[in-house]
Amino acid sequence: MAKLAVINRNFKRQATVKKFAVKRAALQAVMKDPKATDEARDEARAKFHAMPRDASPVRLRNRCALTGRPRGTFRKFGLARNKIREIAMRGEIPGMTKASW
């Protein structure tokens, strides 16, 4: 299981991304607008760079909801591969069976 501090850090980042999402989108629209003046683009760029780094969605990490494992996580379930296997073997995921050929 991942350390609790690392899991909590990711939750904090998720909250920061959600908080600044609208503001980031507005500033990016101004920066990409070819009709905007150079001063407006420079001002938007300065405000964009002044925002916290954790406001960027790229810094988020997909983690297992049960264990916090950062790798081998399936987006559809939100679980790591080993937890999916355990739950599927118990028959708790409808329609999922062990492969055999």
PDB file of N, CA and C in Angstrom:
ATOM      1  N   MET A   1       0.841  -1.182   0.000  1.00  0.00           N
ATOM      2  CA  MET A   1       0.000   0.000   0.000  1.00  0.00           C
ATOM      3  C   MET A   1       0.884   1.243   0.000  1.00  0.00           C
ATOM      4  N   ALA A   2       0.469   2.246  -0.734  1.00  0.00           N
ATOM      5  CA  ALA A   2       1.227   3.486  -0.823  1.00  0.00           C
ATOM      6  C   ALA A   2       1.149   4.244   0.508  1.00  0.00           C
ATOM      7  N   LYS A   3       2.145   5.094   0.715  1.00  0.00           N
ATOM      8  CA  LYS A   3       2.138   5.887   1.936  1.00  0.00           C
ATOM      9  C   LYS A   3       0.943   6.838   1.928  1.00  0.00           C
ATOM     10  N   LEU A   4       0.382   7.042   3.076  1.00  0.00           N
ATOM     11  CA  LEU A   4      -0.805   7.872   3.211  1.00  0.00           C
ATOM     12  C   LEU A   4      -0.534   9.314   2.781  1.00  0.00           C
ATOM     13  N   ALA A   5       0.672   9.808   3.040  1.00  0.00           N
ATOM     14  CA  ALA A   5       1.010  11.180   2.668  1.00  0.00           C
ATOM     15  C   ALA A   5       0.983  11.372   1.152  1.00  0.00           C
ATOM     16  N   VAL A   6       1.422  10.351   0.417  1.00  0.00           N
ATOM     17  CA  VAL A   6       1.441  10.440  -1.041  1.00  0.00           C
ATOM     18  C   VAL A   6       0.017  10.419  -1.589  1.00  0.00           C
ATOM     19  N   ILE A   7      -0.820   9.584  -0.996  1.00  0.00           N
ATOM     20  CA  ILE A   7      -2.222   9.509  -1.417  1.00  0.00           C
ATOM     21  C   ILE A   7      -2.923  10.834  -1.129  1.00  0.00           C
ATOM     22  N   ASN A   8      -2.698  11.381   0.055  1.00  0.00           N
ATOM     23  CA  ASN A   8      -3.317  12.653   0.429  1.00  0.00           C
ATOM     24  C   ASN A   8      -2.819  13.796  -0.448  1.00  0.00           C
ATOM     25  N   ARG A   9      -1.556  13.755  -0.833  1.00  0.00           N
ATOM     26  CA  ARG A   9      -1.001  14.783  -1.717  1.00  0.00           C
ATOM     27  C   ARG A   9      -1.733  14.781  -3.058  1.00  0.00           C
ATOM     28  N   ASN A  10      -2.031  13.590  -3.558  1.00  0.00           N
ATOM     29  CA  ASN A  10      -2.747  13.490  -4.827  1.00  0.00           C
ATOM     30  C   ASN A  10      -4.174  14.022  -4.692  1.00  0.00           C
ATOM     31  N   PHE A  11      -4.837  13.752  -3.552  1.00  0.00           N
ATOM     32  CA  PHE A  11      -6.173  14.302  -3.322  1.00  0.00           C
ATOM     33  C   PHE A  11      -6.136  15.825  -3.269  1.00  0.00           C
ATOM     34  N   LYS A  12      -5.108  16.354  -2.654  1.00  0.00           N
ATOM     35  CA  LYS A  12      -4.951  17.807  -2.567  1.00  0.00           C
ATOM     36  C   LYS A  12      -4.753  18.409  -3.962  1.00  0.00           C
ATOM     37  N   ARG A  13      -3.977  17.718  -4.781  1.00  0.00           N
ATOM     38  CA  ARG A  13      -3.763  18.171  -6.161  1.00  0.00           C
ATOM     39  C   ARG A  13      -5.067  18.139  -6.949  1.00  0.00           C
ATOM     40  N   GLN A  14      -5.879  17.103  -6.738  1.00  0.00           N
ATOM     41  CA  GLN A  14      -7.163  17.020  -7.429  1.00  0.00           C
ATOM     42  C   GLN A  14      -8.049  18.211  -7.073  1.00  0.00           C
ATOM     43  N   ALA A  15      -8.047  18.583  -5.814  1.00  0.00           N
ATOM     44  CA  ALA A  15      -8.843  19.730  -5.378  1.00  0.00           C
ATOM     45  C   ALA A  15      -8.321  21.020  -5.996  1.00  0.00           C
ATOM     46  N   THR A  16      -6.999  21.165  -6.081  1.00  0.00           N
ATOM     47  CA  THR A  16      -6.403  22.364  -6.662  1.00  0.00           C
ATOM     48  C   THR A  16      -6.707  22.461  -8.154  1.00  0.00           C
ATOM     49  N   VAL A  17      -6.633  21.336  -8.852  1.00  0.00           N
ATOM     50  CA  VAL A  17      -6.947  21.324 -10.284  1.00  0.00           C
ATOM     51  C   VAL A  17      -8.393  21.746 -10.504  1.00  0.00           C
ATOM     52  N   LYS A  18      -9.289  21.207  -9.693  1.00  0.00           N
ATOM     53  CA  LYS A  18     -10.707  21.539  -9.826  1.00  0.00           C
ATOM     54  C   LYS A  18     -10.956  23.017  -9.527  1.00  0.00           C
ATOM     55  N   LYS A  19     -10.264  23.539  -8.534  1.00  0.00           N
ATOM     56  CA  LYS A  19     -10.447  24.931  -8.118  1.00  0.00           C
ATOM     57  C   LYS A  19     -10.028  25.914  -9.212  1.00  0.00           C
ATOM     58  N   PHE A  20      -8.924  25.617  -9.897  1.00  0.00           N
ATOM     59  CA  PHE A  20      -8.374  26.553 -10.872  1.00  0.00           C
ATOM     60  C   PHE A  20      -8.727  26.209 -12.327  1.00  0.00           C
ATOM     61  N   ALA A  21      -9.562  25.211 -12.559  1.00  0.00           N
ATOM     62  CA  ALA A  21      -9.843  24.754 -13.922  1.00  0.00           C
ATOM     63  C   ALA A  21     -10.441  25.858 -14.794  1.00  0.00           C
ATOM     64  N   VAL A  22     -11.423  26.574 -14.277  1.00  0.00           N
ATOM     65  CA  VAL A  22     -12.088  27.618 -15.073  1.00  0.00           C
ATOM     66  C   VAL A  22     -11.126  28.764 -15.362  1.00  0.00           C
ATOM     67  N   LYS A  23     -10.374  29.162 -14.360  1.00  0.00           N
ATOM     68  CA  LYS A  23      -9.432  30.273 -14.522  1.00  0.00           C
ATOM     69  C   LYS A  23      -8.332  29.909 -15.521  1.00  0.00           C
ATOM     70  N   ARG A  24      -7.827  28.668 -15.438  1.00  0.00           N
ATOM     71  CA  ARG A  24      -6.794  28.214 -16.377  1.00  0.00           C
ATOM     72  C   ARG A  24      -7.316  28.213 -17.810  1.00  0.00           C
ATOM     73  N   ALA A  25      -8.543  27.738 -17.985  1.00  0.00           N
ATOM     74  CA  ALA A  25      -9.128  27.684 -19.332  1.00  0.00           C
ATOM     75  C   ALA A  25      -9.304  29.078 -19.919  1.00  0.00           C
ATOM     76  N   ALA A  26      -9.723  30.012 -19.083  1.00  0.00           N
ATOM     77  CA  ALA A  26      -9.915  31.383 -19.565  1.00  0.00           C
ATOM     78  C   ALA A  26      -8.584  32.012 -19.971  1.00  0.00           C
ATOM     79  N   LEU A  27      -7.564  31.817 -19.148  1.00  0.00           N
ATOM     80  CA  LEU A  27      -6.253  32.391 -19.474  1.00  0.00           C
ATOM     81  C   LEU A  27      -5.653  31.739 -20.708  1.00  0.00           C
ATOM     82  N   GLN A  28      -5.830  30.446 -20.860  1.00  0.00           N
ATOM     83  CA  GLN A  28      -5.313  29.763 -22.046  1.00  0.00           C
ATOM     84  C   GLN A  28      -6.034  30.230 -23.304  1.00  0.00           C
ATOM     85  N   ALA A  29      -7.331  30.515 -23.190  1.00  0.00           N
ATOM     86  CA  ALA A  29      -8.080  31.014 -24.340  1.00  0.00           C
ATOM     87  C   ALA A  29      -7.548  32.365 -24.779  1.00  0.00           C
ATOM     88  N   VAL A  30      -7.220  33.221 -23.827  1.00  0.00           N
ATOM     89  CA  VAL A  30      -6.664  34.537 -24.159  1.00  0.00           C
ATOM     90  C   VAL A  30      -5.282  34.385 -24.796  1.00  0.00           C
ATOM     91  N   MET A  31      -4.469  33.488 -24.252  1.00  0.00           N
ATOM     92  CA  MET A  31      -3.119  33.310 -24.785  1.00  0.00           C
ATOM     93  C   MET A  31      -3.134  32.751 -26.207  1.00  0.00           C
ATOM     94  N   LYS A  32      -4.116  31.907 -26.519  1.00  0.00           N
ATOM     95  CA  LYS A  32      -4.181  31.285 -27.844  1.00  0.00           C
ATOM     96  C   LYS A  32      -4.958  32.110 -28.866  1.00  0.00           C
ATOM     97  N   ASP A  33      -5.659  33.145 -28.403  1.00  0.00           N
ATOM     98  CA  ASP A  33      -6.491  33.958 -29.295  1.00  0.00           C
ATOM     99  C   ASP A  33      -5.614  34.839 -30.180  1.00  0.00           C
ATOM    100  N   PRO A  34      -5.659  34.640 -31.496  1.00  0.00           N
ATOM    101  CA  PRO A  34      -4.817  35.464 -32.374  1.00  0.00           C
ATOM    102  C   PRO A  34      -5.295  36.911 -32.477  1.00  0.00           C
ATOM    103  N   LYS A  35      -6.553  37.169 -32.127  1.00  0.00           N
ATOM    104  CA  LYS A  35      -7.090  38.528 -32.198  1.00  0.00           C
ATOM    105  C   LYS A  35      -6.761  39.352 -30.955  1.00  0.00           C
ATOM    106  N   ALA A  36      -6.294  38.712 -29.900  1.00  0.00           N
ATOM    107  CA  ALA A  36      -5.974  39.429 -28.665  1.00  0.00           C
ATOM    108  C   ALA A  36      -4.713  40.263 -28.864  1.00  0.00           C
ATOM    109  N   THR A  37      -4.634  41.356 -28.129  1.00  0.00           N
ATOM    110  CA  THR A  37      -3.451  42.226 -28.238  1.00  0.00           C
ATOM    111  C   THR A  37      -2.264  41.571 -27.544  1.00  0.00           C
ATOM    112  N   ASP A  38      -1.078  42.044 -27.892  1.00  0.00           N
ATOM    113  CA  ASP A  38       0.133  41.498 -27.280  1.00  0.00           C
ATOM    114  C   ASP A  38       0.153  41.757 -25.774  1.00  0.00           C
ATOM    115  N   GLU A  39      -0.343  42.925 -25.371  1.00  0.00           N
ATOM    116  CA  GLU A  39      -0.367  43.255 -23.940  1.00  0.00           C
ATOM    117  C   GLU A  39      -1.299  42.313 -23.180  1.00  0.00           C
ATOM    118  N   ALA A  40      -2.454  42.024 -23.784  1.00  0.00           N
ATOM    119  CA  ALA A  40      -3.411  41.134 -23.126  1.00  0.00           C
ATOM    120  C   ALA A  40      -2.839  39.724 -23.014  1.00  0.00           C
ATOM    121  N   ARG A  41      -2.164  39.276 -24.069  1.00  0.00           N
ATOM    122  CA  ARG A  41      -1.554  37.946 -24.026  1.00  0.00           C
ATOM    123  C   ARG A  41      -0.442  37.881 -22.989  1.00  0.00           C
ATOM    124  N   ASP A  42       0.380  38.926 -22.922  1.00  0.00           N
ATOM    125  CA  ASP A  42       1.464  38.951 -21.934  1.00  0.00           C
ATOM    126  C   ASP A  42       0.914  38.969 -20.512  1.00  0.00           C
ATOM    127  N   GLU A  43      -0.154  39.732 -20.316  1.00  0.00           N
ATOM    128  CA  GLU A  43      -0.770  39.789 -18.981  1.00  0.00           C
ATOM    129  C   GLU A  43      -1.363  38.427 -18.610  1.00  0.00           C
ATOM    130  N   ALA A  44      -2.022  37.772 -19.562  1.00  0.00           N
ATOM    131  CA  ALA A  44      -2.594  36.452 -19.311  1.00  0.00           C
ATOM    132  C   ALA A  44      -1.491  35.439 -19.026  1.00  0.00           C
ATOM    133  N   ARG A  45      -0.395  35.529 -19.753  1.00  0.00           N
ATOM    134  CA  ARG A  45       0.728  34.607 -19.537  1.00  0.00           C
ATOM    135  C   ARG A  45       1.328  34.801 -18.148  1.00  0.00           C
ATOM    136  N   ALA A  46       1.452  36.063 -17.725  1.00  0.00           N
ATOM    137  CA  ALA A  46       2.000  36.339 -16.394  1.00  0.00           C
ATOM    138  C   ALA A  46       1.084  35.784 -15.298  1.00  0.00           C
ATOM    139  N   LYS A  47      -0.227  35.961 -15.459  1.00  0.00           N
ATOM    140  CA  LYS A  47      -1.176  35.427 -14.473  1.00  0.00           C
ATOM    141  C   LYS A  47      -1.155  33.903 -14.473  1.00  0.00           C
ATOM    142  N   PHE A  48      -1.005  33.322 -15.668  1.00  0.00           N
ATOM    143  CA  PHE A  48      -0.966  31.870 -15.799  1.00  0.00           C
ATOM    144  C   PHE A  48       0.241  31.290 -15.081  1.00  0.00           C
ATOM    145  N   HIS A  49       1.385  31.933 -15.234  1.00  0.00           N
ATOM    146  CA  HIS A  49       2.609  31.445 -14.597  1.00  0.00           C
ATOM    147  C   HIS A  49       2.614  31.701 -13.094  1.00  0.00           C
ATOM    148  N   ALA A  50       1.769  32.635 -12.637  1.00  0.00           N
ATOM    149  CA  ALA A  50       1.691  32.922 -11.199  1.00  0.00           C
ATOM    150  C   ALA A  50       0.815  31.909 -10.460  1.00  0.00           C
ATOM    151  N   MET A  51       0.056  31.125 -11.201  1.00  0.00           N
ATOM    152  CA  MET A  51      -0.807  30.118 -10.574  1.00  0.00           C
ATOM    153  C   MET A  51       0.040  28.992  -9.989  1.00  0.00           C
ATOM    154  N   PRO A  52      -0.497  28.259  -9.013  1.00  0.00           N
ATOM    155  CA  PRO A  52       0.275  27.162  -8.426  1.00  0.00           C
ATOM    156  C   PRO A  52       0.532  26.049  -9.443  1.00  0.00           C
ATOM    157  N   ARG A  53       1.661  25.381  -9.299  1.00  0.00           N
ATOM    158  CA  ARG A  53       2.014  24.297 -10.208  1.00  0.00           C
ATOM    159  C   ARG A  53       1.014  23.156 -10.135  1.00  0.00           C
ATOM    160  N   ASP A  54       0.497  22.902  -8.945  1.00  0.00           N
ATOM    161  CA  ASP A  54      -0.431  21.787  -8.762  1.00  0.00           C
ATOM    162  C   ASP A  54      -1.797  22.047  -9.395  1.00  0.00           C
ATOM    163  N   ALA A  55      -2.005  23.231  -9.977  1.00  0.00           N
ATOM    164  CA  ALA A  55      -3.251  23.519 -10.664  1.00  0.00           C
ATOM    165  C   ALA A  55      -3.292  22.864 -12.040  1.00  0.00           C
ATOM    166  N   SER A  56      -2.165  22.340 -12.475  1.00  0.00           N
ATOM    167  CA  SER A  56      -2.091  21.690 -13.777  1.00  0.00           C
ATOM    168  C   SER A  56      -2.572  20.243 -13.676  1.00  0.00           C
ATOM    169  N   PRO A  57      -3.497  19.827 -14.554  1.00  0.00           N
ATOM    170  CA  PRO A  57      -4.001  18.456 -14.482  1.00  0.00           C
ATOM    171  C   PRO A  57      -2.956  17.403 -14.849  1.00  0.00           C
ATOM    172  N   VAL A  58      -1.869  17.811 -15.457  1.00  0.00           N
ATOM    173  CA  VAL A  58      -0.816  16.868 -15.828  1.00  0.00           C
ATOM    174  C   VAL A  58      -0.133  16.290 -14.590  1.00  0.00           C
ATOM    175  N   ARG A  59      -0.183  17.012 -13.495  1.00  0.00           N
ATOM    176  CA  ARG A  59       0.505  16.570 -12.286  1.00  0.00           C
ATOM    177  C   ARG A  59      -0.289  15.534 -11.477  1.00  0.00           C
ATOM    178  N   LEU A  60      -1.505  15.236 -11.911  1.00  0.00           N
ATOM    179  CA  LEU A  60      -2.304  14.219 -11.220  1.00  0.00           C
ATOM    180  C   LEU A  60      -1.804  12.834 -11.577  1.00  0.00           C
ATOM    181  N   ARG A  61      -2.035  11.909 -10.672  1.00  0.00           N
ATOM    182  CA  ARG A  61      -1.625  10.521 -10.888  1.00  0.00           C
ATOM    183  C   ARG A  61      -2.829   9.628 -10.645  1.00  0.00           C
ATOM    184  N   ASN A  62      -3.105   8.721 -11.578  1.00  0.00           N
ATOM    185  CA  ASN A  62      -4.175   7.754 -11.362  1.00  0.00           C
ATOM    186  C   ASN A  62      -3.713   6.745 -10.320  1.00  0.00           C
ATOM    187  N   ARG A  63      -4.506   6.593  -9.261  1.00  0.00           N
ATOM    188  CA  ARG A  63      -4.145   5.672  -8.187  1.00  0.00           C
ATOM    189  C   ARG A  63      -5.309   4.745  -7.892  1.00  0.00           C
ATOM    190  N   CYS A  64      -4.972   3.572  -7.380  1.00  0.00           N
ATOM    191  CA  CYS A  64      -5.975   2.591  -6.973  1.00  0.00           C
ATOM    192  C   CYS A  64      -6.791   3.174  -5.810  1.00  0.00           C
ATOM    193  N   ALA A  65      -8.106   3.009  -5.887  1.00  0.00           N
ATOM    194  CA  ALA A  65      -8.977   3.547  -4.843  1.00  0.00           C
ATOM    195  C   ALA A  65      -8.831   2.794  -3.526  1.00  0.00           C
ATOM    196  N   LEU A  66      -8.424   1.531  -3.586  1.00  0.00           N
ATOM    197  CA  LEU A  66      -8.306   0.731  -2.368  1.00  0.00           C
ATOM    198  C   LEU A  66      -6.922   0.805  -1.748  1.00  0.00           C
ATOM    199  N   THR A  67      -5.880   0.665  -2.565  1.00  0.00           N
ATOM    200  CA  THR A  67      -4.528   0.566  -2.031  1.00  0.00           C
ATOM    201  C   THR A  67      -3.679   1.804  -2.254  1.00  0.00           C
ATOM    202  N   GLY A  68      -4.040   2.636  -3.234  1.00  0.00           N
ATOM    203  CA  GLY A  68      -3.233   3.807  -3.551  1.00  0.00           C
ATOM    204  C   GLY A  68      -2.089   3.500  -4.496  1.00  0.00           C
ATOM    205  N   ARG A  69      -2.054   2.290  -5.036  1.00  0.00           N
ATOM    206  CA  ARG A  69      -0.982   1.900  -5.952  1.00  0.00           C
ATOM    207  C   ARG A  69      -1.027   2.787  -7.200  1.00  0.00           C
ATOM    208  N   PRO A  70       0.135   3.367  -7.591  1.00  0.00           N
ATOM    209  CA  PRO A  70       0.137   4.304  -8.713  1.00  0.00           C
ATOM    210  C   PRO A  70       0.239   3.658 -10.090  1.00  0.00           C
ATOM    211  N   ARG A  71       0.669   2.415 -10.154  1.00  0.00           N
ATOM    212  CA  ARG A  71       0.874   1.789 -11.458  1.00  0.00           C
ATOM    213  C   ARG A  71      -0.104   0.646 -11.667  1.00  0.00           C
ATOM    214  N   GLY A  72      -0.386   0.354 -12.920  1.00  0.00           N
ATOM    215  CA  GLY A  72      -1.275  -0.751 -13.240  1.00  0.00           C
ATOM    216  C   GLY A  72      -2.706  -0.474 -12.842  1.00  0.00           C
ATOM    217  N   THR A  73      -3.124   0.778 -12.965  1.00  0.00           N
ATOM    218  CA  THR A  73      -4.466   1.162 -12.574  1.00  0.00           C
ATOM    219  C   THR A  73      -5.372   1.206 -13.799  1.00  0.00           C
ATOM    220  N   PHE A  74      -6.532   0.546 -13.706  1.00  0.00           N
ATOM    221  CA  PHE A  74      -7.502   0.549 -14.785  1.00  0.00           C
ATOM    222  C   PHE A  74      -8.470   1.705 -14.570  1.00  0.00           C
ATOM    223  N   ARG A  75      -8.587   2.583 -15.542  1.00  0.00           N
ATOM    224  CA  ARG A  75      -9.460   3.747 -15.410  1.00  0.00           C
ATOM    225  C   ARG A  75     -10.917   3.348 -15.245  1.00  0.00           C
ATOM    226  N   LYS A  76     -11.324   2.305 -15.935  1.00  0.00           N
ATOM    227  CA  LYS A  76     -12.729   1.883 -15.905  1.00  0.00           C
ATOM    228  C   LYS A  76     -13.182   1.530 -14.489  1.00  0.00           C
ATOM    229  N   PHE A  77     -12.294   0.927 -13.730  1.00  0.00           N
ATOM    230  CA  PHE A  77     -12.649   0.484 -12.381  1.00  0.00           C
ATOM    231  C   PHE A  77     -12.064   1.386 -11.292  1.00  0.00           C
ATOM    232  N   GLY A  78     -10.981   2.091 -11.590  1.00  0.00           N
ATOM    233  CA  GLY A  78     -10.321   2.897 -10.577  1.00  0.00           C
ATOM    234  C   GLY A  78      -9.532   2.054  -9.593  1.00  0.00           C
ATOM    235  N   LEU A  79      -9.190   0.842 -10.026  1.00  0.00           N
ATOM    236  CA  LEU A  79      -8.479  -0.088  -9.158  1.00  0.00           C
ATOM    237  C   LEU A  79      -7.209  -0.570  -9.846  1.00  0.00           C
ATOM    238  N   ALA A  80      -6.261  -1.027  -9.033  1.00  0.00           N
ATOM    239  CA  ALA A  80      -5.037  -1.602  -9.567  1.00  0.00           C
ATOM    240  C   ALA A  80      -5.326  -3.007 -10.079  1.00  0.00           C
ATOM    241  N   ARG A  81      -4.444  -3.485 -10.927  1.00  0.00           N
ATOM    242  CA  ARG A  81      -4.640  -4.776 -11.595  1.00  0.00           C
ATOM    243  C   ARG A  81      -4.774  -5.926 -10.608  1.00  0.00           C
ATOM    244  N   ASN A  82      -3.981  -5.912  -9.538  1.00  0.00           N
ATOM    245  CA  ASN A  82      -4.055  -7.021  -8.587  1.00  0.00           C
ATOM    246  C   ASN A  82      -5.364  -7.013  -7.791  1.00  0.00           C
ATOM    247  N   LYS A  83      -5.897  -5.847  -7.495  1.00  0.00           N
ATOM    248  CA  LYS A  83      -7.180  -5.764  -6.784  1.00  0.00           C
ATOM    249  C   LYS A  83      -8.329  -6.155  -7.699  1.00  0.00           C
ATOM    250  N   ILE A  84      -8.221  -5.799  -8.980  1.00  0.00           N
ATOM    251  CA  ILE A  84      -9.244  -6.222  -9.938  1.00  0.00           C
ATOM    252  C   ILE A  84      -9.265  -7.740 -10.012  1.00  0.00           C
ATOM    253  N   ARG A  85      -8.097  -8.337 -10.037  1.00  0.00           N
ATOM    254  CA  ARG A  85      -8.007  -9.801 -10.113  1.00  0.00           C
ATOM    255  C   ARG A  85      -8.647 -10.443  -8.883  1.00  0.00           C
ATOM    256  N   GLU A  86      -8.319  -9.930  -7.699  1.00  0.00           N
ATOM    257  CA  GLU A  86      -8.887 -10.488  -6.470  1.00  0.00           C
ATOM    258  C   GLU A  86     -10.415 -10.384  -6.461  1.00  0.00           C
ATOM    259  N   ILE A  87     -10.919  -9.217  -6.825  1.00  0.00           N
ATOM    260  CA  ILE A  87     -12.368  -9.000  -6.809  1.00  0.00           C
ATOM    261  C   ILE A  87     -13.053  -9.845  -7.882  1.00  0.00           C
ATOM    262  N   ALA A  88     -12.421  -9.952  -9.053  1.00  0.00           N
ATOM    263  CA  ALA A  88     -13.007 -10.749 -10.139  1.00  0.00           C
ATOM    264  C   ALA A  88     -13.028 -12.230  -9.770  1.00  0.00           C
ATOM    265  N   MET A  89     -11.995 -12.712  -9.082  1.00  0.00           N
ATOM    266  CA  MET A  89     -11.964 -14.117  -8.683  1.00  0.00           C
ATOM    267  C   MET A  89     -13.059 -14.448  -7.676  1.00  0.00           C
ATOM    268  N   ARG A  90     -13.447 -13.467  -6.877  1.00  0.00           N
ATOM    269  CA  ARG A  90     -14.549 -13.666  -5.935  1.00  0.00           C
ATOM    270  C   ARG A  90     -15.902 -13.548  -6.630  1.00  0.00           C
ATOM    271  N   GLY A  91     -15.886 -13.119  -7.900  1.00  0.00           N
ATOM    272  CA  GLY A  91     -17.121 -13.002  -8.671  1.00  0.00           C
ATOM    273  C   GLY A  91     -17.906 -11.747  -8.381  1.00  0.00           C
ATOM    274  N   GLU A  92     -17.243 -10.695  -7.904  1.00  0.00           N
ATOM    275  CA  GLU A  92     -17.936  -9.468  -7.538  1.00  0.00           C
ATOM    276  C   GLU A  92     -18.040  -8.469  -8.683  1.00  0.00           C
ATOM    277  N   ILE A  93     -17.362  -8.755  -9.811  1.00  0.00           N
ATOM    278  CA  ILE A  93     -17.472  -7.893 -10.988  1.00  0.00           C
ATOM    279  C   ILE A  93     -18.312  -8.652 -12.014  1.00  0.00           C
ATOM    280  N   PRO A  94     -19.518  -8.170 -12.313  1.00  0.00           N
ATOM    281  CA  PRO A  94     -20.390  -8.897 -13.232  1.00  0.00           C
ATOM    282  C   PRO A  94     -19.781  -8.981 -14.637  1.00  0.00           C
ATOM    283  N   GLY A  95     -19.841 -10.174 -15.201  1.00  0.00           N
ATOM    284  CA  GLY A  95     -19.382 -10.373 -16.570  1.00  0.00           C
ATOM    285  C   GLY A  95     -17.901 -10.603 -16.727  1.00  0.00           C
ATOM    286  N   MET A  96     -17.129 -10.482 -15.666  1.00  0.00           N
ATOM    287  CA  MET A  96     -15.695 -10.673 -15.772  1.00  0.00           C
ATOM    288  C   MET A  96     -15.343 -12.092 -15.332  1.00  0.00           C
ATOM    289  N   THR A  97     -14.650 -12.823 -16.210  1.00  0.00           N
ATOM    290  CA  THR A  97     -14.227 -14.171 -15.896  1.00  0.00           C
ATOM    291  C   THR A  97     -12.756 -14.315 -16.208  1.00  0.00           C
ATOM    292  N   LYS A  98     -12.160 -15.327 -15.647  1.00  0.00           N
ATOM    293  CA  LYS A  98     -10.759 -15.607 -15.905  1.00  0.00           C
ATOM    294  C   LYS A  98     -10.614 -16.140 -17.336  1.00  0.00           C
ATOM    295  N   ALA A  99      -9.594 -15.657 -18.012  1.00  0.00           N
ATOM    296  CA  ALA A  99      -9.376 -16.073 -19.395  1.00  0.00           C
ATOM    297  C   ALA A  99      -8.903 -17.516 -19.445  1.00  0.00           C
ATOM    298  N   SER A 100      -9.413 -18.258 -20.423  1.00  0.00           N
ATOM    299  CA  SER A 100      -8.945 -19.618 -20.647  1.00  0.00           C
ATOM    300  C   SER A 100      -9.095 -19.927 -22.127  1.00  0.00           C
ATOM    301  N   TRP A 101      -8.062 -20.513 -22.706  1.00  0.00           N
ATOM    302  CA  TRP A 101      -8.130 -20.835 -24.131  1.00  0.00           C
ATOM    303  C   TRP A 101      -7.387 -22.092 -24.439  1.00  0.00           C
TER     304      TRP A 101
END
